[in-house]
């Protein structure tokens, strides 16, 4: 008998299920284009918001967080754009 059973509490096993993100290379060309448009719009909106914050002298911490998010968007845009370049035979 376990100590937890002796005390009257029941310990249930933890069940975890791996959740994987959809791989980028499984997107169709149309899905890539659609995603790029959305990411570029988000990037522009963040850029405008950061510019307004800098002009108003608002919170530096929030500005840094937004800049980091904007950079992540730019990295994702670059990755998706590279998928649109056709592979050349060796």
PDB file of N, CA and C in Angstrom:
ATOM      1  N   UNK A   1       0.846  -1.173   0.000  1.00  0.00           N
ATOM      2  CA  UNK A   1       0.000   0.000   0.000  1.00  0.00           C
ATOM      3  C   UNK A   1       0.894   1.238   0.000  1.00  0.00           C
ATOM      4  N   UNK A   2       0.596   2.182  -0.888  1.00  0.00           N
ATOM      5  CA  UNK A   2       1.355   3.422  -0.962  1.00  0.00           C
ATOM      6  C   UNK A   2       0.954   4.354   0.161  1.00  0.00           C
ATOM      7  N   UNK A   3       1.819   5.330   0.419  1.00  0.00           N
ATOM      8  CA  UNK A   3       1.535   6.305   1.464  1.00  0.00           C
ATOM      9  C   UNK A   3       0.300   7.123   1.106  1.00  0.00           C
ATOM     10  N   UNK A   4       0.134   7.430  -0.189  1.00  0.00           N
ATOM     11  CA  UNK A   4      -1.028   8.222  -0.595  1.00  0.00           C
ATOM     12  C   UNK A   4      -2.321   7.435  -0.422  1.00  0.00           C
ATOM     13  N   UNK A   5      -2.256   6.094  -0.616  1.00  0.00           N
ATOM     14  CA  UNK A   5      -3.445   5.274  -0.432  1.00  0.00           C
ATOM     15  C   UNK A   5      -3.782   5.145   1.042  1.00  0.00           C
ATOM     16  N   UNK A   6      -2.750   5.109   1.877  1.00  0.00           N
ATOM     17  CA  UNK A   6      -2.973   4.987   3.311  1.00  0.00           C
ATOM     18  C   UNK A   6      -3.629   6.245   3.862  1.00  0.00           C
ATOM     19  N   UNK A   7      -3.288   7.407   3.282  1.00  0.00           N
ATOM     20  CA  UNK A   7      -3.865   8.647   3.784  1.00  0.00           C
ATOM     21  C   UNK A   7      -5.276   8.879   3.244  1.00  0.00           C
ATOM     22  N   UNK A   8      -5.705   8.067   2.322  1.00  0.00           N
ATOM     23  CA  UNK A   8      -7.057   8.195   1.810  1.00  0.00           C
ATOM     24  C   UNK A   8      -7.153   8.949   0.497  1.00  0.00           C
ATOM     25  N   UNK A   9      -6.077   9.610   0.067  1.00  0.00           N
ATOM     26  CA  UNK A   9      -6.128  10.327  -1.199  1.00  0.00           C
ATOM     27  C   UNK A   9      -5.750   9.390  -2.331  1.00  0.00           C
ATOM     28  N   UNK A  10      -6.319   9.630  -3.459  1.00  0.00           N
ATOM     29  CA  UNK A  10      -6.067   8.789  -4.620  1.00  0.00           C
ATOM     30  C   UNK A  10      -5.201   9.574  -5.593  1.00  0.00           C
ATOM     31  N   UNK A  11      -4.128   8.965  -6.041  1.00  0.00           N
ATOM     32  CA  UNK A  11      -3.235   9.601  -7.002  1.00  0.00           C
ATOM     33  C   UNK A  11      -3.529   9.014  -8.370  1.00  0.00           C
ATOM     34  N   UNK A  12      -3.979   9.858  -9.272  1.00  0.00           N
ATOM     35  CA  UNK A  12      -4.279   9.406 -10.620  1.00  0.00           C
ATOM     36  C   UNK A  12      -3.053   9.618 -11.497  1.00  0.00           C
ATOM     37  N   UNK A  13      -2.804   8.726 -12.417  1.00  0.00           N
ATOM     38  CA  UNK A  13      -1.654   8.916 -13.301  1.00  0.00           C
ATOM     39  C   UNK A  13      -1.895  10.112 -14.227  1.00  0.00           C
ATOM     40  N   UNK A  14      -0.826  10.800 -14.524  1.00  0.00           N
ATOM     41  CA  UNK A  14      -0.906  11.945 -15.421  1.00  0.00           C
ATOM     42  C   UNK A  14      -0.880  11.429 -16.847  1.00  0.00           C
ATOM     43  N   UNK A  15      -1.877  11.803 -17.596  1.00  0.00           N
ATOM     44  CA  UNK A  15      -1.965  11.392 -18.988  1.00  0.00           C
ATOM     45  C   UNK A  15      -1.665  12.612 -19.847  1.00  0.00           C
ATOM     46  N   UNK A  16      -0.607  12.535 -20.598  1.00  0.00           N
ATOM     47  CA  UNK A  16      -0.272  13.642 -21.483  1.00  0.00           C
ATOM     48  C   UNK A  16      -0.361  13.167 -22.913  1.00  0.00           C
ATOM     49  N   UNK A  17      -0.768  14.068 -23.745  1.00  0.00           N
ATOM     50  CA  UNK A  17      -0.874  13.758 -25.165  1.00  0.00           C
ATOM     51  C   UNK A  17      -0.052  14.793 -25.901  1.00  0.00           C
ATOM     52  N   UNK A  18       0.843  14.343 -26.699  1.00  0.00           N
ATOM     53  CA  UNK A  18       1.686  15.262 -27.446  1.00  0.00           C
ATOM     54  C   UNK A  18       0.857  15.973 -28.511  1.00  0.00           C
ATOM     55  N   UNK A  19       0.967  17.271 -28.526  1.00  0.00           N
ATOM     56  CA  UNK A  19       0.273  18.067 -29.530  1.00  0.00           C
ATOM     57  C   UNK A  19       1.349  18.733 -30.369  1.00  0.00           C
ATOM     58  N   UNK A  20       1.376  18.409 -31.614  1.00  0.00           N
ATOM     59  CA  UNK A  20       2.390  18.946 -32.504  1.00  0.00           C
ATOM     60  C   UNK A  20       1.789  19.986 -33.419  1.00  0.00           C
ATOM     61  N   UNK A  21       2.548  21.036 -33.630  1.00  0.00           N
ATOM     62  CA  UNK A  21       2.115  22.063 -34.576  1.00  0.00           C
ATOM     63  C   UNK A  21       2.223  21.495 -35.986  1.00  0.00           C
ATOM     64  N   UNK A  22       1.417  22.012 -36.837  1.00  0.00           N
ATOM     65  CA  UNK A  22       1.461  21.588 -38.228  1.00  0.00           C
ATOM     66  C   UNK A  22       2.771  22.043 -38.838  1.00  0.00           C
ATOM     67  N   UNK A  23       3.457  21.139 -39.485  1.00  0.00           N
ATOM     68  CA  UNK A  23       4.735  21.492 -40.097  1.00  0.00           C
ATOM     69  C   UNK A  23       4.514  22.507 -41.207  1.00  0.00           C
ATOM     70  N   UNK A  24       5.438  23.437 -41.293  1.00  0.00           N
ATOM     71  CA  UNK A  24       5.318  24.514 -42.268  1.00  0.00           C
ATOM     72  C   UNK A  24       5.351  23.971 -43.695  1.00  0.00           C
ATOM     73  N   UNK A  25       6.130  22.917 -43.932  1.00  0.00           N
ATOM     74  CA  UNK A  25       6.265  22.424 -45.299  1.00  0.00           C
ATOM     75  C   UNK A  25       5.046  21.638 -45.782  1.00  0.00           C
ATOM     76  N   UNK A  26       4.007  21.526 -44.958  1.00  0.00           N
ATOM     77  CA  UNK A  26       2.800  20.839 -45.405  1.00  0.00           C
ATOM     78  C   UNK A  26       1.746  21.815 -45.915  1.00  0.00           C
ATOM     79  N   UNK A  27       2.047  23.104 -45.905  1.00  0.00           N
ATOM     80  CA  UNK A  27       1.116  24.102 -46.425  1.00  0.00           C
ATOM     81  C   UNK A  27       1.084  24.061 -47.951  1.00  0.00           C
ATOM     82  N   UNK A  28      -0.081  24.325 -48.501  1.00  0.00           N
ATOM     83  CA  UNK A  28      -0.194  24.452 -49.947  1.00  0.00           C
ATOM     84  C   UNK A  28       0.261  25.863 -50.327  1.00  0.00           C
ATOM     85  N   UNK A  29       0.614  26.095 -51.587  1.00  0.00           N
ATOM     86  CA  UNK A  29       1.024  27.447 -51.999  1.00  0.00           C
ATOM     87  C   UNK A  29      -0.035  28.512 -51.694  1.00  0.00           C
ATOM     88  N   UNK A  30      -1.307  28.170 -51.853  1.00  0.00           N
ATOM     89  CA  UNK A  30      -2.376  29.133 -51.552  1.00  0.00           C
ATOM     90  C   UNK A  30      -2.418  29.454 -50.059  1.00  0.00           C
ATOM     91  N   UNK A  31      -2.218  28.432 -49.216  1.00  0.00           N
ATOM     92  CA  UNK A  31      -2.210  28.650 -47.771  1.00  0.00           C
ATOM     93  C   UNK A  31      -1.013  29.502 -47.345  1.00  0.00           C
ATOM     94  N   UNK A  32       0.115  29.288 -47.995  1.00  0.00           N
ATOM     95  CA  UNK A  32       1.308  30.089 -47.693  1.00  0.00           C
ATOM     96  C   UNK A  32       1.046  31.554 -48.030  1.00  0.00           C
ATOM     97  N   UNK A  33       0.474  31.804 -49.198  1.00  0.00           N
ATOM     98  CA  UNK A  33       0.183  33.177 -49.616  1.00  0.00           C
ATOM     99  C   UNK A  33      -0.801  33.842 -48.657  1.00  0.00           C
ATOM    100  N   UNK A  34      -1.831  33.102 -48.274  1.00  0.00           N
ATOM    101  CA  UNK A  34      -2.832  33.634 -47.339  1.00  0.00           C
ATOM    102  C   UNK A  34      -2.199  33.952 -45.986  1.00  0.00           C
ATOM    103  N   UNK A  35      -1.372  33.048 -45.502  1.00  0.00           N
ATOM    104  CA  UNK A  35      -0.696  33.241 -44.209  1.00  0.00           C
ATOM    105  C   UNK A  35       0.265  34.424 -44.281  1.00  0.00           C
ATOM    106  N   UNK A  36       0.976  34.556 -45.402  1.00  0.00           N
ATOM    107  CA  UNK A  36       1.901  35.684 -45.569  1.00  0.00           C
ATOM    108  C   UNK A  36       1.165  37.020 -45.520  1.00  0.00           C
ATOM    109  N   UNK A  37       0.022  37.092 -46.169  1.00  0.00           N
ATOM    110  CA  UNK A  37      -0.762  38.326 -46.142  1.00  0.00           C
ATOM    111  C   UNK A  37      -1.172  38.694 -44.719  1.00  0.00           C
ATOM    112  N   UNK A  38      -1.604  37.703 -43.959  1.00  0.00           N
ATOM    113  CA  UNK A  38      -2.025  37.948 -42.577  1.00  0.00           C
ATOM    114  C   UNK A  38      -0.835  38.371 -41.711  1.00  0.00           C
ATOM    115  N   UNK A  39       0.296  37.694 -41.871  1.00  0.00           N
ATOM    116  CA  UNK A  39       1.479  38.027 -41.076  1.00  0.00           C
ATOM    117  C   UNK A  39       2.011  39.410 -41.418  1.00  0.00           C
ATOM    118  N   UNK A  40       1.993  39.762 -42.697  1.00  0.00           N
ATOM    119  CA  UNK A  40       2.468  41.093 -43.104  1.00  0.00           C
ATOM    120  C   UNK A  40       1.564  42.188 -42.538  1.00  0.00           C
ATOM    121  N   UNK A  41       0.259  41.936 -42.521  1.00  0.00           N
ATOM    122  CA  UNK A  41      -0.677  42.914 -41.955  1.00  0.00           C
ATOM    123  C   UNK A  41      -0.419  43.076 -40.449  1.00  0.00           C
ATOM    124  N   UNK A  42      -0.200  41.966 -39.749  1.00  0.00           N
ATOM    125  CA  UNK A  42       0.106  42.024 -38.320  1.00  0.00           C
ATOM    126  C   UNK A  42       1.413  42.773 -38.076  1.00  0.00           C
ATOM    127  N   UNK A  43       2.403  42.516 -38.925  1.00  0.00           N
ATOM    128  CA  UNK A  43       3.708  43.168 -38.800  1.00  0.00           C
ATOM    129  C   UNK A  43       3.563  44.682 -38.983  1.00  0.00           C
ATOM    130  N   UNK A  44       2.796  45.091 -39.998  1.00  0.00           N
ATOM    131  CA  UNK A  44       2.569  46.527 -40.239  1.00  0.00           C
ATOM    132  C   UNK A  44       1.860  47.176 -39.057  1.00  0.00           C
ATOM    133  N   UNK A  45       0.848  46.489 -38.524  1.00  0.00           N
ATOM    134  CA  UNK A  45       0.094  47.029 -37.389  1.00  0.00           C
ATOM    135  C   UNK A  45       0.992  47.191 -36.166  1.00  0.00           C
ATOM    136  N   UNK A  46       1.837  46.200 -35.919  1.00  0.00           N
ATOM    137  CA  UNK A  46       2.777  46.299 -34.802  1.00  0.00           C
ATOM    138  C   UNK A  46       3.765  47.437 -35.014  1.00  0.00           C
ATOM    139  N   UNK A  47       4.241  47.578 -36.234  1.00  0.00           N
ATOM    140  CA  UNK A  47       5.190  48.638 -36.553  1.00  0.00           C
ATOM    141  C   UNK A  47       4.575  50.011 -36.281  1.00  0.00           C
ATOM    142  N   UNK A  48       3.344  50.196 -36.697  1.00  0.00           N
ATOM    143  CA  UNK A  48       2.654  51.470 -36.457  1.00  0.00           C
ATOM    144  C   UNK A  48       2.438  51.709 -34.968  1.00  0.00           C
ATOM    145  N   UNK A  49       2.064  50.656 -34.260  1.00  0.00           N
ATOM    146  CA  UNK A  49       1.837  50.796 -32.814  1.00  0.00           C
ATOM    147  C   UNK A  49       3.131  51.144 -32.083  1.00  0.00           C
ATOM    148  N   UNK A  50       4.235  50.506 -32.465  1.00  0.00           N
ATOM    149  CA  UNK A  50       5.530  50.784 -31.844  1.00  0.00           C
ATOM    150  C   UNK A  50       5.955  52.226 -32.130  1.00  0.00           C
ATOM    151  N   UNK A  51       5.713  52.681 -33.347  1.00  0.00           N
ATOM    152  CA  UNK A  51       6.060  54.060 -33.713  1.00  0.00           C
ATOM    153  C   UNK A  51       5.261  55.053 -32.881  1.00  0.00           C
ATOM    154  N   UNK A  52       3.962  54.787 -32.716  1.00  0.00           N
ATOM    155  CA  UNK A  52       3.120  55.668 -31.889  1.00  0.00           C
ATOM    156  C   UNK A  52       3.581  55.673 -30.437  1.00  0.00           C
ATOM    157  N   UNK A  53       3.940  54.494 -29.927  1.00  0.00           N
ATOM    158  CA  UNK A  53       4.396  54.404 -28.541  1.00  0.00           C
ATOM    159  C   UNK A  53       5.685  55.196 -28.337  1.00  0.00           C
ATOM    160  N   UNK A  54       6.590  55.111 -29.307  1.00  0.00           N
ATOM    161  CA  UNK A  54       7.854  55.830 -29.200  1.00  0.00           C
ATOM    162  C   UNK A  54       7.621  57.339 -29.252  1.00  0.00           C
ATOM    163  N   UNK A  55       6.689  57.778 -30.087  1.00  0.00           N
ATOM    164  CA  UNK A  55       6.398  59.201 -30.213  1.00  0.00           C
ATOM    165  C   UNK A  55       5.758  59.757 -28.941  1.00  0.00           C
ATOM    166  N   UNK A  56       4.972  58.929 -28.260  1.00  0.00           N
ATOM    167  CA  UNK A  56       4.290  59.366 -27.041  1.00  0.00           C
ATOM    168  C   UNK A  56       5.100  59.116 -25.779  1.00  0.00           C
ATOM    169  N   UNK A  57       6.245  58.437 -25.918  1.00  0.00           N
ATOM    170  CA  UNK A  57       7.064  58.131 -24.752  1.00  0.00           C
ATOM    171  C   UNK A  57       6.406  57.152 -23.796  1.00  0.00           C
ATOM    172  N   UNK A  58       5.676  56.199 -24.353  1.00  0.00           N
ATOM    173  CA  UNK A  58       4.962  55.226 -23.516  1.00  0.00           C
ATOM    174  C   UNK A  58       5.912  54.161 -22.984  1.00  0.00           C
ATOM    175  N   UNK A  59       5.354  53.184 -22.321  1.00  0.00           N
ATOM    176  CA  UNK A  59       6.047  52.119 -21.595  1.00  0.00           C
ATOM    177  C   UNK A  59       7.144  51.441 -22.429  1.00  0.00           C
ATOM    178  N   UNK A  60       8.386  51.510 -21.937  1.00  0.00           N
ATOM    179  CA  UNK A  60       9.512  50.888 -22.639  1.00  0.00           C
ATOM    180  C   UNK A  60       9.428  49.372 -22.619  1.00  0.00           C
ATOM    181  N   UNK A  61       8.965  48.808 -21.520  1.00  0.00           N
ATOM    182  CA  UNK A  61       8.865  47.359 -21.416  1.00  0.00           C
ATOM    183  C   UNK A  61       7.869  46.809 -22.434  1.00  0.00           C
ATOM    184  N   UNK A  62       6.742  47.468 -22.559  1.00  0.00           N
ATOM    185  CA  UNK A  62       5.738  47.050 -23.541  1.00  0.00           C
ATOM    186  C   UNK A  62       6.283  47.209 -24.962  1.00  0.00           C
ATOM    187  N   UNK A  63       7.028  48.267 -25.187  1.00  0.00           N
ATOM    188  CA  UNK A  63       7.626  48.510 -26.497  1.00  0.00           C
ATOM    189  C   UNK A  63       8.618  47.403 -26.848  1.00  0.00           C
ATOM    190  N   UNK A  64       9.423  46.991 -25.896  1.00  0.00           N
ATOM    191  CA  UNK A  64      10.387  45.906 -26.133  1.00  0.00           C
ATOM    192  C   UNK A  64       9.671  44.596 -26.430  1.00  0.00           C
ATOM    193  N   UNK A  65       8.579  44.348 -25.708  1.00  0.00           N
ATOM    194  CA  UNK A  65       7.807  43.129 -25.939  1.00  0.00           C
ATOM    195  C   UNK A  65       7.219  43.119 -27.345  1.00  0.00           C
ATOM    196  N   UNK A  66       6.693  44.270 -27.767  1.00  0.00           N
ATOM    197  CA  UNK A  66       6.115  44.375 -29.105  1.00  0.00           C
ATOM    198  C   UNK A  66       7.186  44.242 -30.181  1.00  0.00           C
ATOM    199  N   UNK A  67       8.360  44.808 -29.940  1.00  0.00           N
ATOM    200  CA  UNK A  67       9.452  44.686 -30.913  1.00  0.00           C
ATOM    201  C   UNK A  67       9.892  43.232 -31.058  1.00  0.00           C
ATOM    202  N   UNK A  68       9.924  42.508 -29.947  1.00  0.00           N
ATOM    203  CA  UNK A  68      10.299  41.090 -29.999  1.00  0.00           C
ATOM    204  C   UNK A  68       9.261  40.303 -30.794  1.00  0.00           C
ATOM    205  N   UNK A  69       7.996  40.615 -30.568  1.00  0.00           N
ATOM    206  CA  UNK A  69       6.922  39.942 -31.303  1.00  0.00           C
ATOM    207  C   UNK A  69       6.993  40.278 -32.794  1.00  0.00           C
ATOM    208  N   UNK A  70       7.290  41.530 -33.112  1.00  0.00           N
ATOM    209  CA  UNK A  70       7.424  41.951 -34.512  1.00  0.00           C
ATOM    210  C   UNK A  70       8.569  41.198 -35.186  1.00  0.00           C
ATOM    211  N   UNK A  71       9.670  41.002 -34.461  1.00  0.00           N
ATOM    212  CA  UNK A  71      10.807  40.255 -35.013  1.00  0.00           C
ATOM    213  C   UNK A  71      10.436  38.791 -35.254  1.00  0.00           C
ATOM    214  N   UNK A  72       9.654  38.205 -34.347  1.00  0.00           N
ATOM    215  CA  UNK A  72       9.200  36.829 -34.547  1.00  0.00           C
ATOM    216  C   UNK A  72       8.315  36.721 -35.790  1.00  0.00           C
ATOM    217  N   UNK A  73       7.462  37.720 -35.979  1.00  0.00           N
ATOM    218  CA  UNK A  73       6.624  37.739 -37.185  1.00  0.00           C
ATOM    219  C   UNK A  73       7.488  37.826 -38.433  1.00  0.00           C
ATOM    220  N   UNK A  74       8.502  38.685 -38.392  1.00  0.00           N
ATOM    221  CA  UNK A  74       9.388  38.851 -39.551  1.00  0.00           C
ATOM    222  C   UNK A  74      10.120  37.543 -39.861  1.00  0.00           C
ATOM    223  N   UNK A  75      10.563  36.830 -38.822  1.00  0.00           N
ATOM    224  CA  UNK A  75      11.230  35.535 -39.028  1.00  0.00           C
ATOM    225  C   UNK A  75      10.283  34.532 -39.680  1.00  0.00           C
ATOM    226  N   UNK A  76       9.046  34.520 -39.233  1.00  0.00           N
ATOM    227  CA  UNK A  76       8.051  33.613 -39.803  1.00  0.00           C
ATOM    228  C   UNK A  76       7.759  33.975 -41.260  1.00  0.00           C
ATOM    229  N   UNK A  77       7.671  35.268 -41.543  1.00  0.00           N
ATOM    230  CA  UNK A  77       7.449  35.734 -42.915  1.00  0.00           C
ATOM    231  C   UNK A  77       8.593  35.286 -43.810  1.00  0.00           C
ATOM    232  N   UNK A  78       9.816  35.449 -43.322  1.00  0.00           N
ATOM    233  CA  UNK A  78      10.996  35.052 -44.102  1.00  0.00           C
ATOM    234  C   UNK A  78      10.992  33.553 -44.382  1.00  0.00           C
ATOM    235  N   UNK A  79      10.632  32.752 -43.371  1.00  0.00           N
ATOM    236  CA  UNK A  79      10.575  31.295 -43.546  1.00  0.00           C
ATOM    237  C   UNK A  79       9.540  30.913 -44.593  1.00  0.00           C
ATOM    238  N   UNK A  80       8.373  31.535 -44.536  1.00  0.00           N
ATOM    239  CA  UNK A  80       7.319  31.215 -45.500  1.00  0.00           C
ATOM    240  C   UNK A  80       7.691  31.685 -46.909  1.00  0.00           C
ATOM    241  N   UNK A  81       8.339  32.854 -47.009  1.00  0.00           N
ATOM    242  CA  UNK A  81       8.776  33.333 -48.324  1.00  0.00           C
ATOM    243  C   UNK A  81       9.800  32.386 -48.942  1.00  0.00           C
ATOM    244  N   UNK A  82      10.653  31.795 -48.108  1.00  0.00           N
ATOM    245  CA  UNK A  82      11.646  30.856 -48.643  1.00  0.00           C
ATOM    246  C   UNK A  82      10.982  29.603 -49.185  1.00  0.00           C
ATOM    247  N   UNK A  83       9.800  29.258 -48.653  1.00  0.00           N
ATOM    248  CA  UNK A  83       9.079  28.097 -49.171  1.00  0.00           C
ATOM    249  C   UNK A  83       8.492  28.356 -50.545  1.00  0.00           C
ATOM    250  N   UNK A  84       8.291  29.616 -50.878  1.00  0.00           N
ATOM    251  CA  UNK A  84       7.722  29.949 -52.180  1.00  0.00           C
ATOM    252  C   UNK A  84       8.761  29.896 -53.300  1.00  0.00           C
ATOM    253  N   UNK A  85      10.033  29.853 -52.933  1.00  0.00           N
ATOM    254  CA  UNK A  85      11.093  29.769 -53.944  1.00  0.00           C
ATOM    255  C   UNK A  85      11.205  28.316 -54.397  1.00  0.00           C
ATOM    256  N   UNK A  86      11.036  28.063 -55.677  1.00  0.00           N
ATOM    257  CA  UNK A  86      11.078  26.681 -56.153  1.00  0.00           C
ATOM    258  C   UNK A  86      12.477  26.085 -55.998  1.00  0.00           C
ATOM    259  N   UNK A  87      12.542  24.798 -55.721  1.00  0.00           N
ATOM    260  CA  UNK A  87      13.815  24.103 -55.620  1.00  0.00           C
ATOM    261  C   UNK A  87      14.417  23.954 -57.008  1.00  0.00           C
ATOM    262  N   UNK A  88      15.710  24.199 -57.080  1.00  0.00           N
ATOM    263  CA  UNK A  88      16.403  24.027 -58.351  1.00  0.00           C
ATOM    264  C   UNK A  88      17.076  22.654 -58.348  1.00  0.00           C
ATOM    265  N   UNK A  89      17.026  21.976 -59.470  1.00  0.00           N
ATOM    266  CA  UNK A  89      17.702  20.680 -59.524  1.00  0.00           C
ATOM    267  C   UNK A  89      19.221  20.877 -59.407  1.00  0.00           C
ATOM    268  N   UNK A  90      19.863  19.922 -58.772  1.00  0.00           N
ATOM    269  CA  UNK A  90      21.313  20.013 -58.535  1.00  0.00           C
ATOM    270  C   UNK A  90      22.119  19.839 -59.788  1.00  0.00           C
TER     271      UNK A  90
END
